[in-house]
């Protein structure tokens, strides 16, 4: 996400953006996975004032299959 562009929180109007990462039990997991650690950390950009998440992305997309494929 290009954080250099001006943006405004849709909930409170704040213009300050923070970045954080969701890991461990909160990892994005593929639909079918084997034992072990399989998944990816999720990166979030969120409003400093109210905490609204305005953008999220999966860091590593390799363990996942295309949507609609079993």
N, C-alpha and C. Protein backbone atom coordinates (compact mmCIF):
# COMPACT_ATOMS: atom_id res chain seq x y z
N UNK A 1 0.85 -1.18 0.00
CA UNK A 1 0.00 0.00 0.00
C UNK A 1 0.89 1.23 0.00
N UNK A 2 0.61 2.14 -0.87
CA UNK A 2 1.38 3.38 -0.92
C UNK A 2 0.89 4.30 0.18
N UNK A 3 1.69 4.43 1.24
CA UNK A 3 1.28 5.25 2.39
C UNK A 3 1.66 6.72 2.20
N UNK A 4 2.30 7.06 1.07
CA UNK A 4 2.68 8.45 0.81
C UNK A 4 1.48 9.29 0.37
N UNK A 5 0.48 8.64 -0.21
CA UNK A 5 -0.71 9.37 -0.66
C UNK A 5 -1.54 9.81 0.53
N UNK A 6 -2.20 10.94 0.40
CA UNK A 6 -3.06 11.37 1.49
C UNK A 6 -4.31 10.48 1.52
N UNK A 7 -4.77 10.17 2.71
CA UNK A 7 -5.95 9.34 2.90
C UNK A 7 -6.66 9.83 4.14
N UNK A 8 -7.89 9.44 4.31
CA UNK A 8 -8.68 9.82 5.47
C UNK A 8 -9.47 8.60 5.92
N UNK A 9 -9.44 8.32 7.23
CA UNK A 9 -10.19 7.18 7.78
C UNK A 9 -11.67 7.35 7.48
N UNK A 10 -12.32 6.31 6.95
CA UNK A 10 -13.75 6.42 6.64
C UNK A 10 -14.63 6.50 7.89
N UNK A 11 -14.08 6.13 9.06
CA UNK A 11 -14.89 6.14 10.29
C UNK A 11 -14.75 7.42 11.10
N UNK A 12 -13.51 7.93 11.25
CA UNK A 12 -13.33 9.09 12.13
C UNK A 12 -12.69 10.29 11.45
N UNK A 13 -12.18 10.12 10.24
CA UNK A 13 -11.58 11.23 9.52
C UNK A 13 -10.11 11.47 9.81
N UNK A 14 -9.51 10.69 10.70
CA UNK A 14 -8.08 10.82 11.03
C UNK A 14 -7.23 10.58 9.78
N UNK A 15 -6.07 11.22 9.71
CA UNK A 15 -5.19 11.05 8.56
C UNK A 15 -3.89 10.33 8.90
N UNK A 16 -3.76 9.78 10.13
CA UNK A 16 -2.54 9.06 10.52
C UNK A 16 -2.75 7.56 10.41
N UNK A 17 -1.85 6.90 9.70
CA UNK A 17 -1.94 5.48 9.42
C UNK A 17 -0.81 4.74 10.13
N UNK A 18 -1.11 3.60 10.75
CA UNK A 18 -0.11 2.76 11.41
C UNK A 18 -0.05 1.41 10.69
N UNK A 19 1.05 0.68 10.90
CA UNK A 19 1.25 -0.62 10.26
C UNK A 19 1.49 -1.67 11.34
N UNK A 20 0.87 -2.85 11.19
CA UNK A 20 1.07 -3.94 12.13
C UNK A 20 0.95 -5.27 11.43
N UNK A 21 1.35 -6.34 12.14
CA UNK A 21 1.36 -7.68 11.57
C UNK A 21 0.62 -8.65 12.47
N UNK A 22 -0.18 -9.51 11.87
CA UNK A 22 -0.92 -10.55 12.58
C UNK A 22 -0.20 -11.87 12.34
N UNK A 23 0.21 -12.56 13.45
CA UNK A 23 0.99 -13.79 13.32
C UNK A 23 0.41 -14.89 14.18
N UNK A 24 1.09 -16.02 14.20
CA UNK A 24 0.78 -17.18 15.04
C UNK A 24 -0.63 -17.67 14.82
N UNK A 25 -1.45 -17.72 15.87
CA UNK A 25 -2.81 -18.25 15.74
C UNK A 25 -3.68 -17.42 14.81
N UNK A 26 -3.30 -16.21 14.54
CA UNK A 26 -4.08 -15.34 13.66
C UNK A 26 -3.62 -15.37 12.21
N UNK A 27 -2.78 -16.36 11.85
CA UNK A 27 -2.28 -16.44 10.48
C UNK A 27 -3.38 -16.85 9.52
N UNK A 28 -3.31 -16.37 8.29
CA UNK A 28 -4.19 -16.81 7.22
C UNK A 28 -3.74 -18.21 6.82
N UNK A 29 -4.69 -19.16 6.77
CA UNK A 29 -4.36 -20.55 6.47
C UNK A 29 -5.01 -20.97 5.15
N UNK A 30 -4.36 -21.87 4.38
CA UNK A 30 -5.00 -22.40 3.19
C UNK A 30 -6.19 -23.27 3.58
N UNK A 31 -7.10 -23.48 2.64
CA UNK A 31 -8.30 -24.27 2.93
C UNK A 31 -7.96 -25.66 3.41
N UNK A 32 -7.04 -26.34 2.73
CA UNK A 32 -6.57 -27.67 3.13
C UNK A 32 -5.09 -27.55 3.42
N UNK A 33 -4.66 -28.01 4.59
CA UNK A 33 -3.25 -27.94 4.91
C UNK A 33 -2.82 -29.18 5.68
N UNK A 34 -1.53 -29.49 5.63
CA UNK A 34 -0.99 -30.64 6.35
C UNK A 34 -0.52 -30.18 7.73
N UNK A 35 -0.11 -31.13 8.54
CA UNK A 35 0.38 -30.79 9.88
C UNK A 35 1.64 -29.92 9.75
N UNK A 36 1.87 -29.11 10.74
CA UNK A 36 3.02 -28.21 10.73
C UNK A 36 2.55 -26.78 10.54
N UNK A 37 3.50 -25.92 10.41
CA UNK A 37 3.17 -24.50 10.25
C UNK A 37 3.03 -24.20 8.77
N UNK A 38 1.82 -23.98 8.34
CA UNK A 38 1.53 -23.60 6.97
C UNK A 38 0.62 -22.40 7.04
N UNK A 39 0.95 -21.37 6.35
CA UNK A 39 0.13 -20.18 6.37
C UNK A 39 0.99 -18.96 6.10
N UNK A 40 0.44 -17.80 6.35
CA UNK A 40 1.16 -16.57 6.08
C UNK A 40 0.78 -15.49 7.07
N UNK A 41 1.75 -14.67 7.38
CA UNK A 41 1.52 -13.50 8.23
C UNK A 41 0.63 -12.53 7.45
N UNK A 42 -0.24 -11.83 8.15
CA UNK A 42 -1.12 -10.84 7.54
C UNK A 42 -0.63 -9.45 7.96
N UNK A 43 -0.44 -8.58 6.98
CA UNK A 43 -0.01 -7.20 7.23
C UNK A 43 -1.25 -6.31 7.22
N UNK A 44 -1.37 -5.44 8.23
CA UNK A 44 -2.51 -4.53 8.32
C UNK A 44 -2.03 -3.08 8.36
N UNK A 45 -2.78 -2.21 7.72
CA UNK A 45 -2.63 -0.77 7.89
C UNK A 45 -3.91 -0.30 8.56
N UNK A 46 -3.77 0.47 9.63
CA UNK A 46 -4.96 0.86 10.39
C UNK A 46 -4.86 2.29 10.89
N UNK A 47 -6.02 2.85 11.22
CA UNK A 47 -6.14 4.23 11.69
C UNK A 47 -5.56 4.36 13.10
N UNK A 48 -4.72 5.36 13.30
CA UNK A 48 -4.11 5.60 14.61
C UNK A 48 -5.15 6.02 15.65
N UNK A 49 -6.15 6.74 15.23
CA UNK A 49 -7.14 7.28 16.16
C UNK A 49 -8.17 6.25 16.63
N UNK A 50 -8.81 5.55 15.69
CA UNK A 50 -9.91 4.66 16.08
C UNK A 50 -9.62 3.17 15.87
N UNK A 51 -8.49 2.84 15.20
CA UNK A 51 -8.12 1.44 15.01
C UNK A 51 -8.77 0.74 13.83
N UNK A 52 -9.54 1.44 13.04
CA UNK A 52 -10.17 0.82 11.88
C UNK A 52 -9.11 0.32 10.90
N UNK A 53 -9.21 -0.96 10.51
CA UNK A 53 -8.27 -1.51 9.54
C UNK A 53 -8.71 -1.05 8.16
N UNK A 54 -7.82 -0.35 7.45
CA UNK A 54 -8.17 0.20 6.15
C UNK A 54 -7.59 -0.60 4.99
N UNK A 55 -6.61 -1.49 5.28
CA UNK A 55 -6.01 -2.31 4.23
C UNK A 55 -5.32 -3.49 4.89
N UNK A 56 -5.48 -4.67 4.32
CA UNK A 56 -4.80 -5.88 4.80
C UNK A 56 -4.31 -6.68 3.61
N UNK A 57 -3.20 -7.41 3.83
CA UNK A 57 -2.71 -8.29 2.76
C UNK A 57 -1.97 -9.47 3.37
N UNK A 58 -2.01 -10.60 2.65
CA UNK A 58 -1.28 -11.80 3.02
C UNK A 58 0.14 -11.63 2.48
N UNK A 59 1.15 -11.81 3.35
CA UNK A 59 2.54 -11.59 2.95
C UNK A 59 3.03 -12.66 1.96
N UNK A 60 2.79 -13.94 2.23
CA UNK A 60 3.26 -15.03 1.37
C UNK A 60 2.08 -15.77 0.77
N UNK A 61 1.88 -15.66 -0.52
CA UNK A 61 0.72 -16.28 -1.18
C UNK A 61 1.01 -17.69 -1.71
N UNK A 62 2.25 -18.18 -1.60
CA UNK A 62 2.63 -19.49 -2.17
C UNK A 62 1.82 -20.67 -1.63
N UNK A 63 1.47 -20.75 -0.33
CA UNK A 63 0.75 -21.94 0.16
C UNK A 63 -0.71 -22.03 -0.30
N UNK A 64 -1.21 -21.04 -1.00
CA UNK A 64 -2.64 -20.97 -1.31
C UNK A 64 -2.93 -21.35 -2.76
N UNK A 65 -4.13 -21.88 -2.97
CA UNK A 65 -4.60 -22.25 -4.30
C UNK A 65 -5.49 -21.14 -4.84
N UNK A 66 -5.66 -21.09 -6.16
CA UNK A 66 -6.58 -20.10 -6.74
C UNK A 66 -8.00 -20.29 -6.20
N UNK A 67 -8.73 -19.21 -6.07
CA UNK A 67 -10.11 -19.26 -5.58
C UNK A 67 -10.96 -20.16 -6.47
N UNK A 68 -11.84 -20.95 -5.85
CA UNK A 68 -12.73 -21.83 -6.59
C UNK A 68 -12.14 -23.18 -6.93
N UNK A 69 -10.87 -23.41 -6.60
CA UNK A 69 -10.23 -24.70 -6.87
C UNK A 69 -10.11 -25.48 -5.57
N UNK A 70 -10.55 -26.73 -5.56
CA UNK A 70 -10.46 -27.55 -4.34
C UNK A 70 -9.12 -28.12 -4.23
